[in-house]
Structures are given as structure tokens and as C-alpha cells.
Amino acid sequence: MNRYTQTSLKQVARKFNKFFSIIIAAMLTALSVHPAFAVSKTATLAVSNMTCSACPITVRKALFGVHGVEKVAINLDKKEAAVTFDDTLTTVKALSKATKDAGYPSRIVGGH
């Protein structure tokens, strides 16, 4: 190898090490932001004002607008919404507020 190649390879190695260090730091930061033991919870909300077949669409859209909601199952006959969510990202209070803001006040009837 000539001198130019040796210098060039050293520069590439330094840049790679710097880049690799940044990637490792970013990964460690990302791991510390989200808890490792996040648990999905399910809460059942009694939803007022659901009277027609279009109402569940609006309620579902409002609930999925809440960060952390994973699944929504609506029962129009019972006027209930079963919501599965990441409890580190949202609360039942936030879910209830979302339905209220969409015009469908709700209260918790099951789950936590």
C-alpha cells in the first residue's frame, strides 16, 4: 500500500468509528425513552349519544386519534367501546376526553 492509501483508510476508519458511536448513542437514548415493561391495557367506555350506525365510525376515529391506542371495538347495541391502549402513552381520562370532544361523552365501566 502506498502512503496515500494508508492515510485514506485511516480517515475512513475514523469517520466510521465516529458514525458508529453516534448510532450507538442514539439507540441507547431511544431505549431509555420508552419503558421496557410497557403493558397494553383494555378499558370499556360507556359512550353516550351513539344512536345510529354512523356514530361508531366517529367514536372509533376519535379514539384512534389518541396516541397509544392500539385497538378499538365498538358495540352499538350496548353503547360501549372497548379500547386497548399502551398505558405509558395515554390514560383512560384522555380516551374519555377524545370521545367527549367528538360529541360522544363517555365514562369508564370496565378495565383500568
C-alpha atoms as a PDB file:
ATOM      1  CA  MET A   1       0.000   0.000   0.000  1.00  0.00           C
ATOM      2  CA  ASN A   2       1.203   3.439  -0.713  1.00  0.00           C
ATOM      3  CA  ARG A   3       1.140   6.322   1.715  1.00  0.00           C
ATOM      4  CA  TYR A   4      -1.973   7.884   0.192  1.00  0.00           C
ATOM      5  CA  THR A   5      -3.976   4.671   0.598  1.00  0.00           C
ATOM      6  CA  GLN A   6      -2.895   4.283   4.220  1.00  0.00           C
ATOM      7  CA  THR A   7      -3.952   7.852   5.060  1.00  0.00           C
ATOM      8  CA  SER A   8      -7.226   7.430   3.231  1.00  0.00           C
ATOM      9  CA  LEU A   9      -8.030   4.184   5.054  1.00  0.00           C
ATOM     10  CA  LYS A  10      -7.243   5.810   8.407  1.00  0.00           C
ATOM     11  CA  GLN A  11      -9.628   8.661   7.598  1.00  0.00           C
ATOM     12  CA  VAL A  12     -12.362   6.230   6.611  1.00  0.00           C
ATOM     13  CA  ALA A  13     -11.846   4.243   9.831  1.00  0.00           C
ATOM     14  CA  ARG A  14     -12.059   7.422  11.945  1.00  0.00           C
ATOM     15  CA  LYS A  15     -15.255   8.519  10.204  1.00  0.00           C
ATOM     16  CA  PHE A  16     -16.750   5.063  10.605  1.00  0.00           C
ATOM     17  CA  ASN A  17     -15.913   5.000  14.326  1.00  0.00           C
ATOM     18  CA  LYS A  18     -17.465   8.432  14.808  1.00  0.00           C
ATOM     19  CA  PHE A  19     -20.592   7.438  12.878  1.00  0.00           C
ATOM     20  CA  PHE A  20     -20.855   4.140  14.766  1.00  0.00           C
ATOM     21  CA  SER A  21     -20.565   5.987  18.105  1.00  0.00           C
ATOM     22  CA  ILE A  22     -23.413   8.296  17.137  1.00  0.00           C
ATOM     23  CA  ILE A  23     -25.617   5.360  16.118  1.00  0.00           C
ATOM     24  CA  ILE A  24     -24.954   3.524  19.395  1.00  0.00           C
ATOM     25  CA  ALA A  25     -25.709   6.678  21.417  1.00  0.00           C
ATOM     26  CA  ALA A  26     -28.962   7.196  19.509  1.00  0.00           C
ATOM     27  CA  MET A  27     -30.022   3.590  20.087  1.00  0.00           C
ATOM     28  CA  LEU A  28     -29.310   3.807  23.815  1.00  0.00           C
ATOM     29  CA  THR A  29     -31.256   7.052  24.039  1.00  0.00           C
ATOM     30  CA  ALA A  30     -34.217   5.519  22.212  1.00  0.00           C
ATOM     31  CA  LEU A  31     -34.224   2.550  24.556  1.00  0.00           C
ATOM     32  CA  SER A  32     -34.303   4.789  27.615  1.00  0.00           C
ATOM     33  CA  VAL A  33     -37.229   6.860  26.315  1.00  0.00           C
ATOM     34  CA  HIS A  34     -39.738   4.004  26.112  1.00  0.00           C
ATOM     35  CA  PRO A  35     -40.046   1.731  29.136  1.00  0.00           C
ATOM     36  CA  ALA A  36     -39.151  -1.891  28.543  1.00  0.00           C
ATOM     37  CA  PHE A  37     -42.156  -3.105  30.521  1.00  0.00           C
ATOM     38  CA  ALA A  38     -44.977  -1.294  28.724  1.00  0.00           C
ATOM     39  CA  VAL A  39     -48.209  -3.197  29.102  1.00  0.00           C
ATOM     40  CA  SER A  40     -51.305  -2.922  26.979  1.00  0.00           C
ATOM     41  CA  LYS A  41     -54.465  -2.333  28.940  1.00  0.00           C
ATOM     42  CA  THR A  42     -58.088  -2.542  27.908  1.00  0.00           C
ATOM     43  CA  ALA A  43     -60.803  -0.240  29.180  1.00  0.00           C
ATOM     44  CA  THR A  44     -64.502  -0.310  28.387  1.00  0.00           C
ATOM     45  CA  LEU A  45     -66.199   3.027  27.982  1.00  0.00           C
ATOM     46  CA  ALA A  46     -69.957   3.613  28.111  1.00  0.00           C
ATOM     47  CA  VAL A  47     -70.464   6.083  25.275  1.00  0.00           C
ATOM     48  CA  SER A  48     -73.482   8.389  25.307  1.00  0.00           C
ATOM     49  CA  ASN A  49     -75.225   9.694  22.188  1.00  0.00           C
ATOM     50  CA  MET A  50     -74.423   6.698  19.946  1.00  0.00           C
ATOM     51  CA  THR A  51     -77.788   6.331  18.225  1.00  0.00           C
ATOM     52  CA  CYS A  52     -77.080   5.453  14.604  1.00  0.00           C
ATOM     53  CA  SER A  53     -74.787   3.249  12.555  1.00  0.00           C
ATOM     54  CA  ALA A  54     -72.509   6.189  11.667  1.00  0.00           C
ATOM     55  CA  CYS A  55     -71.784   7.064  15.315  1.00  0.00           C
ATOM     56  CA  PRO A  56     -69.298   4.214  15.934  1.00  0.00           C
ATOM     57  CA  ILE A  57     -67.225   5.433  12.978  1.00  0.00           C
ATOM     58  CA  THR A  58     -66.844   8.862  14.583  1.00  0.00           C
ATOM     59  CA  VAL A  59     -66.088   7.409  18.020  1.00  0.00           C
ATOM     60  CA  ARG A  60     -63.529   4.959  16.587  1.00  0.00           C
ATOM     61  CA  LYS A  61     -61.809   7.764  14.658  1.00  0.00           C
ATOM     62  CA  ALA A  62     -61.680   9.949  17.791  1.00  0.00           C
ATOM     63  CA  LEU A  63     -60.183   7.133  19.875  1.00  0.00           C
ATOM     64  CA  PHE A  64     -57.579   6.214  17.273  1.00  0.00           C
ATOM     65  CA  GLY A  65     -56.589   9.900  17.283  1.00  0.00           C
ATOM     66  CA  VAL A  66     -55.226   9.391  20.813  1.00  0.00           C
ATOM     67  CA  HIS A  67     -51.522   8.473  20.820  1.00  0.00           C
ATOM     68  CA  GLY A  68     -51.098   4.999  22.304  1.00  0.00           C
ATOM     69  CA  VAL A  69     -54.433   3.490  21.246  1.00  0.00           C
ATOM     70  CA  GLU A  70     -53.848   0.071  19.703  1.00  0.00           C
ATOM     71  CA  LYS A  71     -57.330  -1.377  19.175  1.00  0.00           C
ATOM     72  CA  VAL A  72     -60.952  -0.199  19.355  1.00  0.00           C
ATOM     73  CA  ALA A  73     -64.041  -2.422  19.349  1.00  0.00           C
ATOM     74  CA  ILE A  74     -67.430  -0.706  19.395  1.00  0.00           C
ATOM     75  CA  ASN A  75     -70.728  -2.325  20.402  1.00  0.00           C
ATOM     76  CA  LEU A  76     -73.527  -0.043  19.217  1.00  0.00           C
ATOM     77  CA  ASP A  77     -76.269  -2.084  20.929  1.00  0.00           C
ATOM     78  CA  LYS A  78     -74.610  -1.722  24.341  1.00  0.00           C
ATOM     79  CA  LYS A  79     -73.275   1.771  23.512  1.00  0.00           C
ATOM     80  CA  GLU A  80     -69.800   0.703  24.593  1.00  0.00           C
ATOM     81  CA  ALA A  81     -66.274   0.991  23.276  1.00  0.00           C
ATOM     82  CA  ALA A  82     -63.546  -1.462  24.329  1.00  0.00           C
ATOM     83  CA  VAL A  83     -60.201   0.275  23.902  1.00  0.00           C
ATOM     84  CA  THR A  84     -56.802  -1.391  24.111  1.00  0.00           C
ATOM     85  CA  PHE A  85     -54.021   1.100  24.749  1.00  0.00           C
ATOM     86  CA  ASP A  86     -50.444   1.482  25.954  1.00  0.00           C
ATOM     87  CA  ASP A  87     -50.787   2.882  29.473  1.00  0.00           C
ATOM     88  CA  THR A  88     -47.376   4.542  29.262  1.00  0.00           C
ATOM     89  CA  LEU A  89     -48.594   6.699  26.383  1.00  0.00           C
ATOM     90  CA  THR A  90     -52.182   7.570  27.331  1.00  0.00           C
ATOM     91  CA  THR A  91     -54.817   7.367  30.062  1.00  0.00           C
ATOM     92  CA  VAL A  92     -58.482   6.484  30.337  1.00  0.00           C
ATOM     93  CA  LYS A  93     -59.124  10.165  31.026  1.00  0.00           C
ATOM     94  CA  ALA A  94     -57.585  11.063  27.644  1.00  0.00           C
ATOM     95  CA  LEU A  95     -59.747   8.431  25.924  1.00  0.00           C
ATOM     96  CA  SER A  96     -62.877   9.801  27.548  1.00  0.00           C
ATOM     97  CA  LYS A  97     -61.893  13.357  26.587  1.00  0.00           C
ATOM     98  CA  ALA A  98     -61.428  12.282  22.963  1.00  0.00           C
ATOM     99  CA  THR A  99     -64.942  10.855  22.742  1.00  0.00           C
ATOM    100  CA  LYS A 100     -66.386  13.904  24.522  1.00  0.00           C
ATOM    101  CA  ASP A 101     -64.596  16.261  22.117  1.00  0.00           C
ATOM    102  CA  ALA A 102     -66.137  14.291  19.221  1.00  0.00           C
ATOM    103  CA  GLY A 103     -69.609  14.820  20.684  1.00  0.00           C
ATOM    104  CA  TYR A 104     -69.929  11.498  22.489  1.00  0.00           C
ATOM    105  CA  PRO A 105     -69.382  11.823  26.245  1.00  0.00           C
ATOM    106  CA  SER A 106     -68.189   8.614  27.880  1.00  0.00           C
ATOM    107  CA  ARG A 107     -67.365   7.111  31.254  1.00  0.00           C
ATOM    108  CA  ILE A 108     -65.365   4.054  32.206  1.00  0.00           C
ATOM    109  CA  VAL A 109     -67.357   0.906  33.002  1.00  0.00           C
ATOM    110  CA  GLY A 110     -64.690  -1.774  32.901  1.00  0.00           C
ATOM    111  CA  GLY A 111     -60.919  -2.231  32.892  1.00  0.00           C
ATOM    112  CA  HIS A 112     -58.278   0.223  34.057  1.00  0.00           C
END
